[in-house]
Amino acid sequence: MDVRQFDGAVQRSKQFTSRPSNEELLQLYALYKQATAGDVSGERPGGFDFKAIAKFEAWEALKGMPKEEAMREYVTLVDKLHQQYA
């Protein structure tokens, strides 16, 4: 995966004219984090911060996925969402 393709997809994801669904946004977040930081680190958020918990769990579900694969899946997802939300 060419890092420039990934960086371009990151920029395109910020240019959607309408908002993707929460599920789609969580998937984008998790793939981005896996591609840039690798496996999830730290402890699962507690309490009533449901947004932080959902983000943590989405990222945690990708544990073990290689960064290159996460980049490819991120680019593919942005391309798909760009058709719907750009």
N, C-alpha and C. Protein backbone atom coordinates (compact mmCIF):
# COMPACT_ATOMS: atom_id res chain seq x y z
N MET A 1 0.85 -1.18 0.00
CA MET A 1 0.00 0.00 0.00
C MET A 1 0.89 1.23 0.00
N ASP A 2 0.61 2.12 -0.90
CA ASP A 2 1.33 3.38 -0.99
C ASP A 2 0.80 4.33 0.09
N VAL A 3 1.68 4.84 0.92
CA VAL A 3 1.28 5.73 2.01
C VAL A 3 0.59 6.97 1.45
N ARG A 4 0.97 7.40 0.25
CA ARG A 4 0.32 8.58 -0.35
C ARG A 4 -1.14 8.29 -0.64
N GLN A 5 -1.47 7.06 -1.04
CA GLN A 5 -2.87 6.69 -1.26
C GLN A 5 -3.64 6.79 0.05
N PHE A 6 -3.04 6.29 1.11
CA PHE A 6 -3.68 6.33 2.42
C PHE A 6 -3.88 7.78 2.86
N ASP A 7 -2.83 8.60 2.74
CA ASP A 7 -2.93 10.01 3.13
C ASP A 7 -4.00 10.73 2.31
N GLY A 8 -4.08 10.39 1.03
CA GLY A 8 -5.12 10.99 0.17
C GLY A 8 -6.51 10.59 0.63
N ALA A 9 -6.66 9.34 1.04
CA ALA A 9 -7.96 8.87 1.53
C ALA A 9 -8.32 9.58 2.83
N VAL A 10 -7.33 9.82 3.69
CA VAL A 10 -7.59 10.55 4.94
C VAL A 10 -8.12 11.94 4.61
N GLN A 11 -7.51 12.60 3.64
CA GLN A 11 -7.96 13.94 3.26
C GLN A 11 -9.37 13.90 2.66
N ARG A 12 -9.64 12.90 1.80
CA ARG A 12 -10.98 12.78 1.20
C ARG A 12 -12.03 12.51 2.26
N SER A 13 -11.67 11.78 3.32
CA SER A 13 -12.65 11.47 4.37
C SER A 13 -13.08 12.72 5.12
N LYS A 14 -12.28 13.76 5.06
CA LYS A 14 -12.62 15.02 5.73
C LYS A 14 -13.46 15.93 4.85
N GLN A 15 -13.71 15.51 3.61
CA GLN A 15 -14.42 16.36 2.66
C GLN A 15 -15.82 15.86 2.34
N PHE A 16 -16.32 14.91 3.10
CA PHE A 16 -17.69 14.45 2.86
C PHE A 16 -18.64 15.61 3.07
N THR A 17 -19.64 15.73 2.19
CA THR A 17 -20.60 16.83 2.33
C THR A 17 -21.76 16.46 3.24
N SER A 18 -21.96 15.18 3.48
CA SER A 18 -22.94 14.75 4.48
C SER A 18 -22.26 13.73 5.38
N ARG A 19 -22.86 13.50 6.53
CA ARG A 19 -22.24 12.69 7.57
C ARG A 19 -22.54 11.21 7.39
N PRO A 20 -21.49 10.38 7.35
CA PRO A 20 -21.72 8.93 7.33
C PRO A 20 -22.39 8.48 8.64
N SER A 21 -22.90 7.26 8.63
CA SER A 21 -23.54 6.72 9.83
C SER A 21 -22.52 6.53 10.94
N ASN A 22 -23.01 6.39 12.15
CA ASN A 22 -22.11 6.16 13.29
C ASN A 22 -21.28 4.90 13.10
N GLU A 23 -21.90 3.85 12.56
CA GLU A 23 -21.17 2.59 12.30
C GLU A 23 -20.04 2.82 11.31
N GLU A 24 -20.33 3.56 10.25
CA GLU A 24 -19.30 3.84 9.24
C GLU A 24 -18.18 4.69 9.83
N LEU A 25 -18.54 5.67 10.65
CA LEU A 25 -17.53 6.51 11.29
C LEU A 25 -16.66 5.69 12.25
N LEU A 26 -17.27 4.78 12.99
CA LEU A 26 -16.49 3.91 13.89
C LEU A 26 -15.53 3.03 13.10
N GLN A 27 -16.00 2.52 11.97
CA GLN A 27 -15.16 1.68 11.14
C GLN A 27 -13.97 2.49 10.60
N LEU A 28 -14.24 3.72 10.14
CA LEU A 28 -13.16 4.59 9.67
C LEU A 28 -12.16 4.85 10.78
N TYR A 29 -12.67 5.17 11.96
CA TYR A 29 -11.80 5.47 13.10
C TYR A 29 -10.91 4.27 13.43
N ALA A 30 -11.52 3.10 13.53
CA ALA A 30 -10.77 1.90 13.92
C ALA A 30 -9.70 1.56 12.89
N LEU A 31 -10.06 1.63 11.62
CA LEU A 31 -9.08 1.33 10.57
C LEU A 31 -7.95 2.35 10.57
N TYR A 32 -8.30 3.62 10.77
CA TYR A 32 -7.27 4.67 10.81
C TYR A 32 -6.30 4.42 11.97
N LYS A 33 -6.85 4.14 13.15
CA LYS A 33 -6.00 3.91 14.32
C LYS A 33 -5.13 2.67 14.13
N GLN A 34 -5.70 1.60 13.57
CA GLN A 34 -4.93 0.38 13.35
C GLN A 34 -3.82 0.64 12.33
N ALA A 35 -4.12 1.43 11.30
CA ALA A 35 -3.14 1.72 10.26
C ALA A 35 -2.02 2.62 10.75
N THR A 36 -2.32 3.52 11.67
CA THR A 36 -1.33 4.50 12.11
C THR A 36 -0.65 4.14 13.42
N ALA A 37 -1.35 3.42 14.30
CA ALA A 37 -0.80 3.14 15.63
C ALA A 37 -0.63 1.65 15.91
N GLY A 38 -1.21 0.79 15.08
CA GLY A 38 -1.14 -0.64 15.35
C GLY A 38 -2.20 -1.06 16.35
N ASP A 39 -1.95 -2.15 17.03
CA ASP A 39 -2.94 -2.69 17.97
C ASP A 39 -3.28 -1.69 19.07
N VAL A 40 -4.53 -1.79 19.52
CA VAL A 40 -5.03 -0.92 20.58
C VAL A 40 -4.14 -1.02 21.81
N SER A 41 -3.98 0.11 22.48
CA SER A 41 -3.20 0.12 23.72
C SER A 41 -4.00 0.85 24.79
N GLY A 42 -3.58 0.67 26.01
CA GLY A 42 -4.28 1.31 27.11
C GLY A 42 -5.46 0.48 27.57
N GLU A 43 -6.13 1.02 28.55
CA GLU A 43 -7.27 0.31 29.13
C GLU A 43 -8.57 0.78 28.51
N ARG A 44 -9.54 -0.10 28.52
CA ARG A 44 -10.87 0.23 28.03
C ARG A 44 -11.45 1.34 28.89
N PRO A 45 -11.99 2.38 28.25
CA PRO A 45 -12.61 3.45 29.05
C PRO A 45 -13.76 2.90 29.89
N GLY A 46 -13.95 3.49 31.02
CA GLY A 46 -15.02 3.04 31.89
C GLY A 46 -16.10 4.10 32.02
N GLY A 47 -16.98 3.87 32.92
CA GLY A 47 -18.02 4.85 33.20
C GLY A 47 -19.05 4.96 32.09
N PHE A 48 -19.49 6.19 31.88
CA PHE A 48 -20.58 6.44 30.95
C PHE A 48 -20.13 7.14 29.68
N ASP A 49 -18.85 7.06 29.37
CA ASP A 49 -18.34 7.67 28.14
C ASP A 49 -18.52 6.66 27.01
N PHE A 50 -19.77 6.54 26.57
CA PHE A 50 -20.13 5.50 25.60
C PHE A 50 -19.43 5.69 24.26
N LYS A 51 -19.20 6.93 23.87
CA LYS A 51 -18.50 7.19 22.61
C LYS A 51 -17.07 6.66 22.67
N ALA A 52 -16.37 6.94 23.76
CA ALA A 52 -14.99 6.46 23.92
C ALA A 52 -14.95 4.94 24.00
N ILE A 53 -15.92 4.35 24.66
CA ILE A 53 -15.99 2.89 24.76
C ILE A 53 -16.20 2.28 23.38
N ALA A 54 -17.12 2.84 22.59
CA ALA A 54 -17.40 2.32 21.25
C ALA A 54 -16.17 2.43 20.36
N LYS A 55 -15.46 3.55 20.45
CA LYS A 55 -14.25 3.72 19.65
C LYS A 55 -13.18 2.71 20.05
N PHE A 56 -13.00 2.53 21.35
CA PHE A 56 -12.01 1.57 21.85
C PHE A 56 -12.34 0.17 21.36
N GLU A 57 -13.60 -0.22 21.49
CA GLU A 57 -14.01 -1.57 21.10
C GLU A 57 -13.89 -1.80 19.60
N ALA A 58 -14.20 -0.77 18.80
CA ALA A 58 -14.06 -0.90 17.35
C ALA A 58 -12.60 -1.11 16.97
N TRP A 59 -11.71 -0.36 17.61
CA TRP A 59 -10.28 -0.49 17.34
C TRP A 59 -9.77 -1.84 17.85
N GLU A 60 -10.22 -2.23 19.04
CA GLU A 60 -9.79 -3.50 19.63
C GLU A 60 -10.18 -4.69 18.75
N ALA A 61 -11.31 -4.58 18.05
CA ALA A 61 -11.77 -5.67 17.19
C ALA A 61 -10.81 -5.93 16.03
N LEU A 62 -9.94 -4.97 15.73
CA LEU A 62 -8.98 -5.12 14.64
C LEU A 62 -7.62 -5.61 15.12
N LYS A 63 -7.53 -5.94 16.39
CA LYS A 63 -6.25 -6.37 16.97
C LYS A 63 -5.64 -7.50 16.13
N GLY A 64 -4.37 -7.33 15.81
CA GLY A 64 -3.67 -8.33 15.01
C GLY A 64 -3.66 -8.04 13.52
N MET A 65 -4.51 -7.12 13.07
CA MET A 65 -4.52 -6.78 11.65
C MET A 65 -3.26 -5.98 11.32
N PRO A 66 -2.52 -6.39 10.30
CA PRO A 66 -1.32 -5.64 9.91
C PRO A 66 -1.67 -4.22 9.46
N LYS A 67 -0.76 -3.29 9.72
CA LYS A 67 -0.99 -1.89 9.35
C LYS A 67 -1.29 -1.73 7.86
N GLU A 68 -0.57 -2.47 7.03
CA GLU A 68 -0.77 -2.39 5.57
C GLU A 68 -2.20 -2.77 5.20
N GLU A 69 -2.70 -3.83 5.80
CA GLU A 69 -4.06 -4.28 5.52
C GLU A 69 -5.07 -3.24 5.99
N ALA A 70 -4.84 -2.65 7.16
CA ALA A 70 -5.73 -1.61 7.66
C ALA A 70 -5.74 -0.41 6.72
N MET A 71 -4.58 -0.05 6.19
CA MET A 71 -4.50 1.05 5.22
C MET A 71 -5.33 0.74 3.98
N ARG A 72 -5.17 -0.48 3.45
CA ARG A 72 -5.92 -0.88 2.26
C ARG A 72 -7.42 -0.83 2.51
N GLU A 73 -7.84 -1.38 3.64
CA GLU A 73 -9.27 -1.39 3.96
C GLU A 73 -9.81 0.02 4.18
N TYR A 74 -8.99 0.88 4.78
CA TYR A 74 -9.39 2.27 4.99
C TYR A 74 -9.62 2.96 3.64
N VAL A 75 -8.67 2.81 2.72
CA VAL A 75 -8.79 3.43 1.40
C VAL A 75 -10.03 2.91 0.68
N THR A 76 -10.26 1.61 0.75
CA THR A 76 -11.43 1.01 0.11
C THR A 76 -12.72 1.57 0.70
N LEU A 77 -12.78 1.68 2.02
CA LEU A 77 -13.97 2.21 2.68
C LEU A 77 -14.20 3.67 2.32
N VAL A 78 -13.15 4.48 2.32
CA VAL A 78 -13.30 5.89 1.96
C VAL A 78 -13.80 6.01 0.52
N ASP A 79 -13.26 5.21 -0.38
CA ASP A 79 -13.72 5.24 -1.77
C ASP A 79 -15.21 4.93 -1.85
N LYS A 80 -15.65 3.93 -1.10
CA LYS A 80 -17.07 3.55 -1.09
C LYS A 80 -17.93 4.68 -0.51
N LEU A 81 -17.50 5.22 0.62
CA LEU A 81 -18.27 6.28 1.28
C LEU A 81 -18.26 7.57 0.47
N HIS A 82 -17.18 7.81 -0.24
CA HIS A 82 -17.08 9.02 -1.06
C HIS A 82 -18.19 9.05 -2.11
N GLN A 83 -18.55 7.89 -2.63
CA GLN A 83 -19.64 7.81 -3.62
C GLN A 83 -20.98 8.19 -2.99
N GLN A 84 -21.15 7.91 -1.71
CA GLN A 84 -22.42 8.18 -1.03
C GLN A 84 -22.49 9.56 -0.40
N TYR A 85 -21.36 10.05 0.12
CA TYR A 85 -21.40 11.24 0.98
C TYR A 85 -20.64 12.44 0.44
N ALA A 86 -20.06 12.33 -0.74
CA ALA A 86 -19.30 13.47 -1.27
C ALA A 86 -20.20 14.37 -2.10
